[in-house]
Amino acid sequence: MAMKEPIGTIQRRGLLLTFLCFGLFMVYLDTTIVNVALPDIQIKLNADMSVLQWIIDAYALTFSCLLLSAGTIGDAIGRKKVFITGLLGFSLTSIVCAVSPSIEMLLVGRILQGVFGSFMIPVSLAIIRGIYEEPVSRAKAIGIWAGIGGIAFAAGPVVGGWLVEYYGWQSIFWINVPIGIVIALVLVRILHENRSVASRKFDIIGQTLFILAIGALSYALIEGNSLGWDSGTIITTFIVAAIALLLFVFQEYRYEKPLLPLSLFRNRIFTIACSVNFLGLFGLYGAIFLLTLYLQNINHFSPIETGIRFLALTAAIMVASFFGSVLAAKVSPRLLIVIGLLMAGGGLLALIMLDVGSSYGTYWWALVLLGIGVSLVGSSATVALMTTVPPEIAGTTSGVSNTFRQVGAVFGVALSGALVSQYIHTALPSQLATMQLPDEIKEQISIAFSRGDMSLSQVDPVPEDVRQLIQSAGARVFVDGIHLAFLVSGTGTLLAGICALLFMGRIYHKSNNKASMESIQKIGSSSFEKS
């Protein structure tokens, strides 16, 4: 029989919750702290734009794909073992990232960070459920657990900017090491082991196919511009992604305890809620990636100045996440989802007004709109999901929903970078045509800018006055390219809002807010017990 985690004293539970949340803070911090370091990494390791995309997506890809299995692994092996293994593994792989002399080693470190980080999120929620048996105390603990992500998200750009500016890009990884080790040492002593009474068999085939499908599609989107969209490698990769996805669906259909229960998608609200979760982070992470390059490479801000300018976005997310969860309990989640998507889409489309050298007053309010909108969508979609599914599958539903959000982040970075790179590759030659330069120099310039190298460090020497004209033309084309990316993500977000308005209403009104809150309260007891 599985051991039951003793509740212990209030002080001990509070200490456990504190150190669990410190561990989560470290994992969530890495989703945004790395962004402001990208230009510095680009210069120091000679990275192009596709590599910068991989630095973000290598972490997000493994993190998002393994969330579906992490709870099951914790149930089977033991949650204490899995959480501490994830914590120590995350810390050690941070060392790999910090000492990386090459892009290849850095990407390996980021992949491993994502693997170990994914273990900690669902397992920590199950641990909290085990140490807080009273519904009221559990609800408060889960509220703290959920709020940590928003705080880390807000702190990431500012902390990262300060570290990069004074200690270099490696410092954003070194900071994880002492924190992770101290937390692990404390938890080894005060956290007792427990397992799920009804753990289930790990669907290794389904998990492998899911990673292959998402990974292949991400590769094709990121590398399509550099290798050519009609190249054999890219076409083959798209085919592999499609086949892997079809096989994954077949595996989940026939497997007794699937990672992703396909029957959930028969519920229209569930399908729409997962879709809006996907699109919410799709636009958000694409915007963070592009704005980091815009602020540092085009407007020439320092890392810490960049981080401060992101506060309009990240602080809005942190504040609105709290108020959004309160509103979602009192107002129809359908209404809040529609309002949130309209705000997020409006914020993304407003960023089209950005120009070379735009002042902060031009766009801070658009970042606030985006932050509030994404937060309203996330909290309201959670309420809608918990309302429409039985309590016994609340954990599975939560895991699937979170996976959609993280996969949205992966594709947001991949597609936004692909759109900008392709636009530069197409539009820049016409800008260079009027300049009196040899054709081979023009080709070098086009390649450099499409790779994201605005410094022209790899281009043969040209006169200084001509170099300034080239950089001015390149900056203009880059900004036009991010306009295209914001147009695509903003339009997609608005369309999602229209779909939510049209298709969620008639079904959702069969439920009520009381049922919503009862389901959400029960997520603490059922979360990841079935997933």
Protein backbone atom coordinates (compact mmCIF):
# COMPACT_ATOMS: atom_id res chain seq x y z
CA MET A 1 0.00 0.00 0.00
CA ALA A 2 1.28 3.47 -0.91
CA MET A 3 2.50 5.64 1.94
CA LYS A 4 0.35 8.61 2.75
CA GLU A 5 2.09 11.96 3.17
CA PRO A 6 1.56 13.11 6.79
CA ILE A 7 0.11 16.56 7.13
CA GLY A 8 2.35 17.60 10.03
CA THR A 9 2.31 21.06 11.56
CA ILE A 10 1.27 24.29 9.91
CA GLN A 11 4.88 25.48 10.06
CA ARG A 12 6.20 22.40 8.31
CA ARG A 13 3.58 22.60 5.57
CA GLY A 14 4.37 26.26 5.07
CA LEU A 15 8.09 25.47 4.81
CA LEU A 16 7.41 22.72 2.28
CA LEU A 17 5.21 24.99 0.19
CA THR A 18 7.83 27.75 0.29
CA PHE A 19 10.65 25.54 -1.02
CA LEU A 20 8.42 23.86 -3.61
CA CYS A 21 7.48 27.30 -4.92
CA PHE A 22 11.13 28.41 -4.98
CA GLY A 23 11.85 25.43 -7.23
CA LEU A 24 8.94 26.27 -9.50
CA PHE A 25 9.99 29.91 -9.62
CA MET A 26 13.38 28.86 -10.98
CA VAL A 27 11.79 26.76 -13.74
CA TYR A 28 9.26 29.41 -14.74
CA LEU A 29 11.90 32.14 -14.64
CA ASP A 30 13.80 30.38 -17.42
CA THR A 31 10.85 30.83 -19.80
CA THR A 32 11.49 34.59 -20.01
CA ILE A 33 14.90 35.35 -18.47
CA VAL A 34 16.72 33.91 -21.50
CA ASN A 35 15.01 36.22 -24.01
CA VAL A 36 16.89 39.37 -23.01
CA ALA A 37 20.19 37.46 -23.29
CA LEU A 38 19.61 36.46 -26.93
CA PRO A 39 21.42 39.42 -28.57
CA ASP A 40 24.44 38.89 -26.30
CA ILE A 41 24.47 35.16 -27.09
CA GLN A 42 24.10 36.02 -30.79
CA ILE A 43 27.28 38.11 -30.69
CA LYS A 44 29.38 35.90 -28.37
CA LEU A 45 28.52 32.55 -30.03
CA ASN A 46 27.95 33.85 -33.59
CA ALA A 47 24.34 32.67 -33.73
CA ASP A 48 21.79 33.42 -36.44
CA MET A 49 18.05 33.99 -35.95
CA SER A 50 17.10 30.34 -36.37
CA VAL A 51 19.56 29.40 -33.61
CA LEU A 52 18.08 32.07 -31.34
CA GLN A 53 14.67 30.53 -31.96
CA TRP A 54 16.05 27.12 -30.98
CA ILE A 55 17.50 28.49 -27.74
CA ILE A 56 13.93 29.33 -26.70
CA ASP A 57 12.15 26.41 -28.35
CA ALA A 58 14.60 23.65 -27.35
CA TYR A 59 13.56 24.32 -23.74
CA ALA A 60 9.87 24.94 -24.45
CA LEU A 61 9.57 21.90 -26.74
CA THR A 62 10.76 19.24 -24.29
CA PHE A 63 9.06 21.04 -21.40
CA SER A 64 5.66 21.11 -23.13
CA CYS A 65 5.77 17.61 -24.61
CA LEU A 66 6.76 15.84 -21.38
CA LEU A 67 4.13 17.55 -19.21
CA LEU A 68 1.67 14.87 -20.35
CA SER A 69 3.80 12.10 -18.81
CA ALA A 70 5.42 13.77 -15.82
CA GLY A 71 2.48 13.21 -13.48
CA THR A 72 2.31 9.54 -14.39
CA ILE A 73 6.04 9.09 -13.73
CA GLY A 74 5.67 10.76 -10.33
CA ASP A 75 2.75 8.51 -9.43
CA ALA A 76 4.70 5.38 -10.35
CA ILE A 77 8.20 6.14 -9.03
CA GLY A 78 7.41 8.48 -6.17
CA ARG A 79 6.77 12.20 -6.22
CA LYS A 80 9.61 13.15 -3.89
CA LYS A 81 12.14 11.26 -6.03
CA VAL A 82 10.85 12.77 -9.26
CA PHE A 83 10.67 16.36 -7.98
CA ILE A 84 14.15 16.32 -6.43
CA THR A 85 15.57 14.56 -9.51
CA GLY A 86 14.01 17.28 -11.67
CA LEU A 87 15.38 20.00 -9.39
CA LEU A 88 18.94 18.66 -9.31
CA GLY A 89 18.86 17.82 -13.01
CA PHE A 90 17.69 21.33 -13.84
CA SER A 91 20.49 22.81 -11.75
CA LEU A 92 23.21 20.60 -13.26
CA THR A 93 22.06 21.18 -16.83
CA SER A 94 22.12 24.91 -16.08
CA ILE A 95 25.87 24.43 -15.57
CA VAL A 96 26.04 22.80 -19.01
CA CYS A 97 24.38 25.90 -20.49
CA ALA A 98 26.61 28.33 -18.57
CA VAL A 99 29.92 26.74 -19.62
CA SER A 100 28.88 26.12 -23.24
CA PRO A 101 31.62 27.17 -25.66
CA SER A 102 29.35 26.55 -28.65
CA ILE A 103 25.76 26.80 -29.74
CA GLU A 104 25.50 23.01 -30.05
CA MET A 105 26.39 22.44 -26.40
CA LEU A 106 24.07 25.26 -25.28
CA LEU A 107 21.16 23.67 -27.17
CA VAL A 108 21.83 20.28 -25.57
CA GLY A 109 21.77 21.97 -22.17
CA ARG A 110 18.49 23.74 -22.98
CA ILE A 111 16.86 20.48 -24.09
CA LEU A 112 17.89 18.78 -20.85
CA GLN A 113 16.67 21.77 -18.83
CA GLY A 114 13.26 21.33 -20.43
CA VAL A 115 13.22 17.61 -19.63
CA PHE A 116 13.99 18.07 -15.93
CA GLY A 117 11.83 21.19 -15.61
CA SER A 118 8.78 19.34 -16.93
CA PHE A 119 9.03 16.81 -14.08
CA MET A 120 8.57 19.48 -11.43
CA ILE A 121 5.33 21.20 -12.47
CA PRO A 122 2.65 18.46 -12.23
CA VAL A 123 4.46 16.56 -9.49
CA SER A 124 4.60 19.66 -7.27
CA LEU A 125 0.83 20.08 -7.54
CA ALA A 126 0.31 16.45 -6.52
CA ILE A 127 2.64 16.94 -3.53
CA ILE A 128 0.66 20.00 -2.43
CA ARG A 129 -2.53 17.97 -2.66
CA GLY A 130 -0.94 15.39 -0.36
CA ILE A 131 0.15 17.81 2.36
CA TYR A 132 -2.98 20.00 2.35
CA GLU A 133 -6.03 17.84 2.95
CA GLU A 134 -8.37 20.59 4.15
CA PRO A 135 -10.21 22.13 1.14
CA VAL A 136 -9.74 25.75 2.27
CA SER A 137 -6.02 25.39 3.01
CA ARG A 138 -5.51 23.45 -0.19
CA ALA A 139 -7.24 26.11 -2.26
CA LYS A 140 -4.99 28.80 -0.78
CA ALA A 141 -1.87 26.70 -1.39
CA ILE A 142 -2.86 26.03 -5.00
CA GLY A 143 -3.51 29.75 -5.45
CA ILE A 144 0.04 30.49 -4.28
CA TRP A 145 1.36 27.72 -6.52
CA ALA A 146 -0.45 29.19 -9.55
CA GLY A 147 0.69 32.74 -8.78
CA ILE A 148 4.37 31.82 -8.79
CA GLY A 149 4.34 31.50 -12.58
CA GLY A 150 3.08 35.04 -13.01
CA ILE A 151 5.66 36.48 -10.62
CA ALA A 152 8.52 34.61 -12.32
CA PHE A 153 7.27 35.67 -15.75
CA ALA A 154 7.27 39.31 -14.66
CA ALA A 155 10.68 39.11 -12.98
CA GLY A 156 12.43 37.28 -15.85
CA PRO A 157 13.19 40.15 -18.25
CA VAL A 158 14.30 42.57 -15.51
CA VAL A 159 16.44 40.05 -13.62
CA GLY A 160 17.84 38.72 -16.87
CA GLY A 161 18.61 42.20 -18.18
CA TRP A 162 20.51 43.12 -15.01
CA LEU A 163 22.49 39.87 -14.97
CA VAL A 164 23.41 40.03 -18.66
CA GLU A 165 24.46 43.67 -18.53
CA TYR A 166 26.79 43.27 -15.53
CA TYR A 167 27.84 39.60 -15.61
CA GLY A 168 27.27 38.31 -19.15
CA TRP A 169 24.74 35.86 -20.59
CA GLN A 170 26.21 32.90 -18.68
CA SER A 171 25.01 34.40 -15.39
CA ILE A 172 21.34 33.71 -16.20
CA PHE A 173 22.17 30.00 -15.94
CA TRP A 174 24.67 30.14 -13.07
CA ILE A 175 22.03 31.70 -10.82
CA ASN A 176 20.02 28.43 -10.93
CA VAL A 177 22.80 26.29 -9.47
CA PRO A 178 23.09 27.40 -5.82
CA ILE A 179 19.33 27.97 -5.55
CA GLY A 180 18.52 24.50 -6.88
CA ILE A 181 21.04 22.71 -4.67
CA VAL A 182 19.89 24.46 -1.47
CA ILE A 183 16.23 23.70 -2.21
CA ALA A 184 17.03 20.05 -2.94
CA LEU A 185 18.99 19.64 0.31
CA VAL A 186 16.10 21.07 2.33
CA LEU A 187 13.44 18.98 0.60
CA VAL A 188 15.45 15.77 1.03
CA ARG A 189 15.15 16.27 4.79
CA ILE A 190 11.58 17.55 5.21
CA LEU A 191 9.61 16.03 2.31
CA HIS A 192 8.23 12.52 2.75
CA GLU A 193 7.77 10.14 -0.17
CA ASN A 194 4.35 9.24 -1.55
CA ARG A 195 2.86 7.60 -4.60
CA SER A 196 -0.53 7.44 -6.19
CA VAL A 197 -2.62 4.48 -5.09
CA ALA A 198 -3.85 4.08 -8.66
CA SER A 199 -0.84 4.89 -10.82
CA ARG A 200 -1.08 3.92 -14.45
CA LYS A 201 1.16 2.50 -17.15
CA PHE A 202 3.42 4.97 -18.95
CA ASP A 203 2.46 5.40 -22.62
CA ILE A 204 6.00 5.53 -23.98
CA ILE A 205 4.92 5.05 -27.62
CA GLY A 206 2.41 7.89 -27.45
CA GLN A 207 4.92 10.17 -25.72
CA THR A 208 7.62 9.45 -28.33
CA LEU A 209 5.26 10.08 -31.25
CA PHE A 210 4.05 13.35 -29.71
CA ILE A 211 7.61 14.64 -29.27
CA LEU A 212 8.49 13.56 -32.82
CA ALA A 213 5.46 15.32 -34.32
CA ILE A 214 5.93 18.62 -32.47
CA GLY A 215 9.72 18.55 -32.84
CA ALA A 216 9.63 17.85 -36.59
CA LEU A 217 7.09 20.59 -37.22
CA SER A 218 9.12 23.08 -35.17
CA TYR A 219 12.28 22.15 -37.10
CA ALA A 220 10.57 22.68 -40.44
CA LEU A 221 9.23 26.10 -39.42
CA ILE A 222 12.52 27.33 -37.95
CA GLU A 223 14.88 25.97 -40.60
CA GLY A 224 12.61 26.44 -43.63
CA ASN A 225 14.00 29.85 -44.51
CA SER A 226 17.68 28.90 -44.34
CA LEU A 227 17.34 25.52 -46.08
CA GLY A 228 14.61 26.57 -48.50
CA TRP A 229 10.91 25.77 -48.15
CA ASP A 230 11.05 23.56 -51.22
CA SER A 231 14.17 21.67 -50.10
CA GLY A 232 14.02 17.91 -49.69
CA THR A 233 14.91 18.17 -45.99
CA ILE A 234 12.08 20.55 -45.13
CA ILE A 235 9.47 18.71 -47.20
CA THR A 236 10.53 15.41 -45.63
CA THR A 237 10.35 16.93 -42.15
CA PHE A 238 6.80 18.16 -42.75
CA ILE A 239 5.84 14.66 -43.93
CA VAL A 240 7.45 13.09 -40.85
CA ALA A 241 5.52 15.50 -38.60
CA ALA A 242 2.22 14.62 -40.31
CA ILE A 243 2.83 10.86 -40.12
CA ALA A 244 3.93 11.04 -36.47
CA LEU A 245 0.82 13.06 -35.59
CA LEU A 246 -1.48 10.55 -37.31
CA LEU A 247 0.25 7.65 -35.55
CA PHE A 248 -0.03 9.50 -32.24
CA VAL A 249 -3.79 9.91 -32.72
CA PHE A 250 -4.10 6.21 -33.59
CA GLN A 251 -2.05 5.22 -30.54
CA GLU A 252 -4.16 7.38 -28.22
CA TYR A 253 -7.35 5.96 -29.72
CA ARG A 254 -6.34 2.35 -29.05
CA TYR A 255 -4.40 2.74 -25.77
CA GLU A 256 -6.31 1.90 -22.60
CA LYS A 257 -4.95 4.83 -20.56
CA PRO A 258 -3.89 7.41 -23.16
CA LEU A 259 -1.78 10.49 -22.52
CA LEU A 260 -4.33 12.53 -24.45
CA PRO A 261 -7.88 11.14 -24.16
CA LEU A 262 -9.38 11.90 -27.58
CA SER A 263 -12.91 11.64 -26.19
CA LEU A 264 -12.36 15.01 -24.49
CA PHE A 265 -12.43 16.71 -27.89
CA ARG A 266 -16.04 15.68 -28.38
CA ASN A 267 -16.80 18.45 -25.91
CA ARG A 268 -16.94 21.64 -27.94
CA ILE A 269 -16.06 23.87 -25.00
CA PHE A 270 -12.99 21.76 -24.22
CA THR A 271 -11.81 22.00 -27.83
CA ILE A 272 -12.31 25.76 -28.03
CA ALA A 273 -10.73 26.34 -24.60
CA CYS A 274 -7.61 24.39 -25.62
CA SER A 275 -7.50 26.33 -28.89
CA VAL A 276 -7.63 29.73 -27.20
CA ASN A 277 -4.98 28.61 -24.70
CA PHE A 278 -2.77 27.70 -27.66
CA LEU A 279 -3.34 31.01 -29.44
CA GLY A 280 -2.88 33.05 -26.26
CA LEU A 281 0.73 31.94 -25.72
CA PHE A 282 1.32 31.73 -29.48
CA GLY A 283 1.01 35.51 -29.83
CA LEU A 284 2.62 36.29 -26.47
CA TYR A 285 5.86 34.34 -26.92
CA GLY A 286 6.23 35.39 -30.54
CA ALA A 287 5.94 39.03 -29.42
CA ILE A 288 8.49 38.62 -26.61
CA PHE A 289 10.99 37.00 -28.99
CA LEU A 290 10.66 39.66 -31.70
CA LEU A 291 10.49 42.65 -29.36
CA THR A 292 13.72 41.57 -27.65
CA LEU A 293 15.54 41.68 -31.00
CA TYR A 294 13.79 44.93 -31.94
CA LEU A 295 14.68 46.73 -28.72
CA GLN A 296 18.33 45.66 -28.62
CA ASN A 297 19.32 45.23 -32.28
CA ILE A 298 17.23 48.01 -33.85
CA ASN A 299 16.75 50.57 -31.06
CA HIS A 300 20.09 49.70 -29.41
CA PHE A 301 18.86 49.42 -25.82
CA SER A 302 20.95 47.63 -23.22
CA PRO A 303 19.68 44.33 -21.71
CA ILE A 304 18.49 46.01 -18.51
CA GLU A 305 16.76 48.82 -20.47
CA THR A 306 15.05 46.12 -22.50
CA GLY A 307 13.90 44.28 -19.38
CA ILE A 308 12.44 47.47 -17.90
CA ARG A 309 10.44 48.12 -21.06
CA PHE A 310 8.95 44.64 -20.81
CA LEU A 311 7.49 45.49 -17.39
CA ALA A 312 4.39 46.96 -19.07
CA LEU A 313 3.69 43.45 -20.39
CA THR A 314 4.90 41.26 -17.55
CA ALA A 315 3.46 43.35 -14.70
CA ALA A 316 0.11 43.44 -16.52
CA ILE A 317 0.18 39.64 -16.74
CA MET A 318 1.02 39.26 -13.05
CA VAL A 319 -1.73 41.61 -11.85
CA ALA A 320 -4.37 40.50 -14.36
CA SER A 321 -3.76 36.81 -13.60
CA PHE A 322 -4.87 37.40 -10.03
CA PHE A 323 -7.90 39.54 -10.84
CA GLY A 324 -8.77 37.33 -13.81
CA SER A 325 -9.21 34.28 -11.59
CA VAL A 326 -11.46 36.30 -9.25
CA LEU A 327 -13.56 37.66 -12.12
CA ALA A 328 -13.86 34.23 -13.73
CA ALA A 329 -15.68 33.00 -10.63
CA LYS A 330 -18.28 35.76 -10.90
CA VAL A 331 -18.57 36.54 -14.63
CA SER A 332 -19.27 34.18 -17.51
CA PRO A 333 -15.89 32.75 -18.60
CA ARG A 334 -17.16 32.86 -22.19
CA LEU A 335 -17.49 36.64 -21.95
CA LEU A 336 -14.05 37.03 -20.37
CA ILE A 337 -12.45 34.76 -22.99
CA VAL A 338 -13.92 36.85 -25.80
CA ILE A 339 -12.88 40.13 -24.14
CA GLY A 340 -9.40 38.75 -23.42
CA LEU A 341 -8.85 37.56 -26.98
CA LEU A 342 -10.03 40.89 -28.38
CA MET A 343 -7.64 42.74 -26.06
CA ALA A 344 -4.71 40.43 -26.85
CA GLY A 345 -5.41 40.57 -30.57
CA GLY A 346 -5.80 44.33 -30.42
CA GLY A 347 -2.50 44.65 -28.57
CA LEU A 348 -0.67 42.52 -31.16
CA LEU A 349 -2.16 44.51 -34.06
CA ALA A 350 -1.29 47.79 -32.30
CA LEU A 351 2.37 46.74 -32.30
CA ILE A 352 2.27 47.16 -36.09
CA MET A 353 2.71 50.89 -35.34
CA LEU A 354 6.29 50.22 -34.20
CA ASP A 355 8.94 51.94 -36.27
CA VAL A 356 12.69 52.26 -36.11
CA GLY A 357 13.42 54.32 -32.99
CA SER A 358 9.83 54.36 -31.71
CA SER A 359 9.49 55.86 -28.23
CA TYR A 360 8.16 53.84 -25.31
CA GLY A 361 4.98 55.89 -25.35
CA THR A 362 4.19 54.44 -28.76
CA TYR A 363 3.76 50.85 -27.60
CA TRP A 364 3.64 50.44 -23.79
CA TRP A 365 -0.15 50.50 -23.78
CA ALA A 366 -0.23 47.78 -26.48
CA LEU A 367 1.90 45.58 -24.21
CA VAL A 368 -0.53 46.20 -21.35
CA LEU A 369 -3.46 45.20 -23.58
CA LEU A 370 -1.65 42.03 -24.61
CA GLY A 371 -0.76 41.13 -21.02
CA ILE A 372 -4.24 41.68 -19.62
CA GLY A 373 -5.87 39.87 -22.55
CA VAL A 374 -3.68 36.77 -22.29
CA SER A 375 -4.26 36.59 -18.54
CA LEU A 376 -8.04 36.84 -18.87
CA VAL A 377 -8.02 34.09 -21.49
CA GLY A 378 -5.90 31.74 -19.38
CA SER A 379 -7.88 32.01 -16.15
CA SER A 380 -11.29 31.99 -17.86
CA ALA A 381 -10.44 29.03 -20.10
CA THR A 382 -9.46 27.08 -16.97
CA VAL A 383 -12.84 27.79 -15.37
CA ALA A 384 -14.66 26.78 -18.58
CA LEU A 385 -12.70 23.54 -18.75
CA MET A 386 -13.26 22.63 -15.12
CA THR A 387 -16.98 23.33 -15.50
CA THR A 388 -17.53 20.97 -18.41
CA VAL A 389 -15.59 17.88 -17.31
CA PRO A 390 -16.25 15.45 -14.43
CA PRO A 391 -14.09 16.02 -11.32
CA GLU A 392 -12.43 12.61 -11.70
CA ILE A 393 -10.69 13.69 -14.91
CA ALA A 394 -9.86 17.24 -13.77
CA GLY A 395 -6.15 16.38 -13.56
CA THR A 396 -6.03 15.00 -17.09
CA THR A 397 -7.93 18.01 -18.40
CA SER A 398 -5.58 20.41 -16.65
CA GLY A 399 -2.53 18.60 -18.02
CA VAL A 400 -3.81 18.64 -21.60
CA SER A 401 -4.77 22.31 -21.36
CA ASN A 402 -1.33 23.27 -20.02
CA THR A 403 0.32 21.28 -22.81
CA PHE A 404 -1.64 23.23 -25.42
CA ARG A 405 -0.47 26.48 -23.85
CA GLN A 406 3.19 25.46 -23.91
CA VAL A 407 3.01 24.07 -27.45
CA GLY A 408 1.51 27.43 -28.45
CA ALA A 409 4.65 29.08 -27.07
CA VAL A 410 6.85 26.74 -29.13
CA PHE A 411 5.06 27.49 -32.39
CA GLY A 412 4.75 31.21 -31.60
CA VAL A 413 8.53 31.59 -31.54
CA ALA A 414 9.03 29.26 -34.51
CA LEU A 415 6.50 30.88 -36.84
CA SER A 416 7.20 34.51 -35.91
CA GLY A 417 10.92 34.05 -36.56
CA ALA A 418 10.21 32.23 -39.83
CA LEU A 419 7.95 35.04 -41.07
CA VAL A 420 10.50 37.75 -40.28
CA SER A 421 13.42 35.84 -41.80
CA GLN A 422 11.47 35.07 -44.97
CA TYR A 423 10.33 38.68 -45.32
CA ILE A 424 13.90 39.99 -44.97
CA HIS A 425 15.14 37.43 -47.49
CA THR A 426 12.47 38.55 -49.97
CA ALA A 427 12.36 42.32 -49.44
CA LEU A 428 15.96 43.32 -48.68
CA PRO A 429 17.42 42.71 -52.19
CA SER A 430 15.16 45.42 -53.67
CA GLN A 431 16.41 47.86 -51.00
CA LEU A 432 20.02 47.06 -51.91
CA ALA A 433 19.48 47.22 -55.67
CA THR A 434 20.01 50.99 -55.81
CA MET A 435 23.32 50.85 -53.92
CA GLN A 436 26.57 50.76 -55.84
CA LEU A 437 27.90 47.53 -54.41
CA PRO A 438 29.25 44.31 -55.95
CA ASP A 439 26.64 41.54 -56.27
CA GLU A 440 28.58 39.25 -53.94
CA ILE A 441 28.53 41.93 -51.19
CA LYS A 442 24.79 42.38 -51.64
CA GLU A 443 24.33 38.64 -51.28
CA GLN A 444 26.41 38.59 -48.09
CA ILE A 445 24.32 41.45 -46.68
CA SER A 446 21.03 39.68 -47.48
CA ILE A 447 22.22 36.50 -45.81
CA ALA A 448 23.52 38.38 -42.74
CA PHE A 449 20.26 40.27 -42.18
CA SER A 450 18.06 37.22 -42.73
CA ARG A 451 20.19 35.48 -40.09
CA GLY A 452 19.46 38.38 -37.70
CA ASP A 453 23.00 39.84 -37.84
CA MET A 454 22.41 43.61 -37.99
CA SER A 455 26.05 44.42 -37.25
CA LEU A 456 27.28 43.16 -40.65
CA SER A 457 30.21 41.60 -38.80
CA GLN A 458 30.47 38.78 -41.36
CA VAL A 459 30.28 41.09 -44.41
CA ASP A 460 33.34 42.26 -46.34
CA PRO A 461 34.38 45.84 -45.53
CA VAL A 462 32.31 48.63 -47.10
CA PRO A 463 32.64 52.44 -46.74
CA GLU A 464 31.20 53.76 -43.46
CA ASP A 465 28.59 55.98 -45.14
CA VAL A 466 27.39 53.03 -47.22
CA ARG A 467 27.36 50.79 -44.13
CA GLN A 468 25.05 53.25 -42.39
CA LEU A 469 22.69 53.24 -45.37
CA ILE A 470 22.70 49.44 -45.40
CA GLN A 471 21.95 49.20 -41.69
CA SER A 472 19.18 51.77 -42.02
CA ALA A 473 17.60 49.82 -44.90
CA GLY A 474 18.00 46.54 -43.02
CA ALA A 475 16.41 47.94 -39.87
CA ARG A 476 13.46 49.19 -41.92
CA VAL A 477 12.96 45.78 -43.53
CA PHE A 478 13.27 43.99 -40.16
CA VAL A 479 10.58 46.23 -38.65
CA ASP A 480 8.33 45.59 -41.67
CA GLY A 481 8.91 41.88 -41.11
CA ILE A 482 7.80 42.01 -37.48
CA HIS A 483 4.72 43.95 -38.64
CA LEU A 484 3.84 40.92 -40.76
CA ALA A 485 4.35 38.56 -37.80
CA PHE A 486 2.15 40.72 -35.54
CA LEU A 487 -0.50 40.92 -38.25
CA VAL A 488 -0.64 37.12 -38.49
CA SER A 489 -0.70 36.47 -34.74
CA GLY A 490 -3.08 39.35 -34.02
CA THR A 491 -5.53 38.29 -36.72
CA GLY A 492 -5.44 34.69 -35.52
CA THR A 493 -6.14 35.80 -31.96
CA LEU A 494 -9.11 37.94 -33.03
CA LEU A 495 -10.52 35.06 -35.08
CA ALA A 496 -10.26 32.83 -32.02
CA GLY A 497 -12.28 35.40 -30.10
CA ILE A 498 -14.98 35.34 -32.76
CA CYS A 499 -15.08 31.52 -32.64
CA ALA A 500 -15.41 31.59 -28.85
CA LEU A 501 -18.27 34.07 -29.13
CA LEU A 502 -20.11 31.99 -31.73
CA PHE A 503 -19.56 28.47 -30.45
CA MET A 504 -19.15 28.56 -26.67
CA GLY A 505 -22.33 30.38 -25.68
CA ARG A 506 -25.14 27.91 -26.20
CA ILE A 507 -23.25 25.08 -24.50
CA TYR A 508 -21.73 27.05 -21.66
CA HIS A 509 -25.00 28.56 -20.44
CA LYS A 510 -26.09 25.09 -19.36
CA SER A 511 -23.60 25.43 -16.49
CA ASN A 512 -23.30 28.02 -13.77
CA ASN A 513 -20.57 29.73 -11.82
CA LYS A 514 -21.20 27.69 -8.68
CA ALA A 515 -20.45 24.53 -10.61
CA SER A 516 -17.32 26.18 -11.94
CA MET A 517 -15.99 26.91 -8.51
CA GLU A 518 -16.84 23.44 -7.18
CA SER A 519 -14.92 21.86 -10.04
CA ILE A 520 -11.94 24.12 -9.50
CA GLN A 521 -11.87 23.36 -5.78
CA LYS A 522 -11.80 19.67 -6.65
CA ILE A 523 -8.83 19.99 -8.98
CA GLY A 524 -6.58 19.94 -5.92
CA SER A 525 -7.75 16.46 -4.98
CA SER A 526 -7.85 14.99 -8.46
CA SER A 527 -5.06 16.82 -10.23
CA PHE A 528 -2.62 14.39 -11.78
CA GLU A 529 -4.08 11.44 -9.93
CA LYS A 530 -5.37 10.31 -13.31
CA SER A 531 -2.64 11.79 -15.45
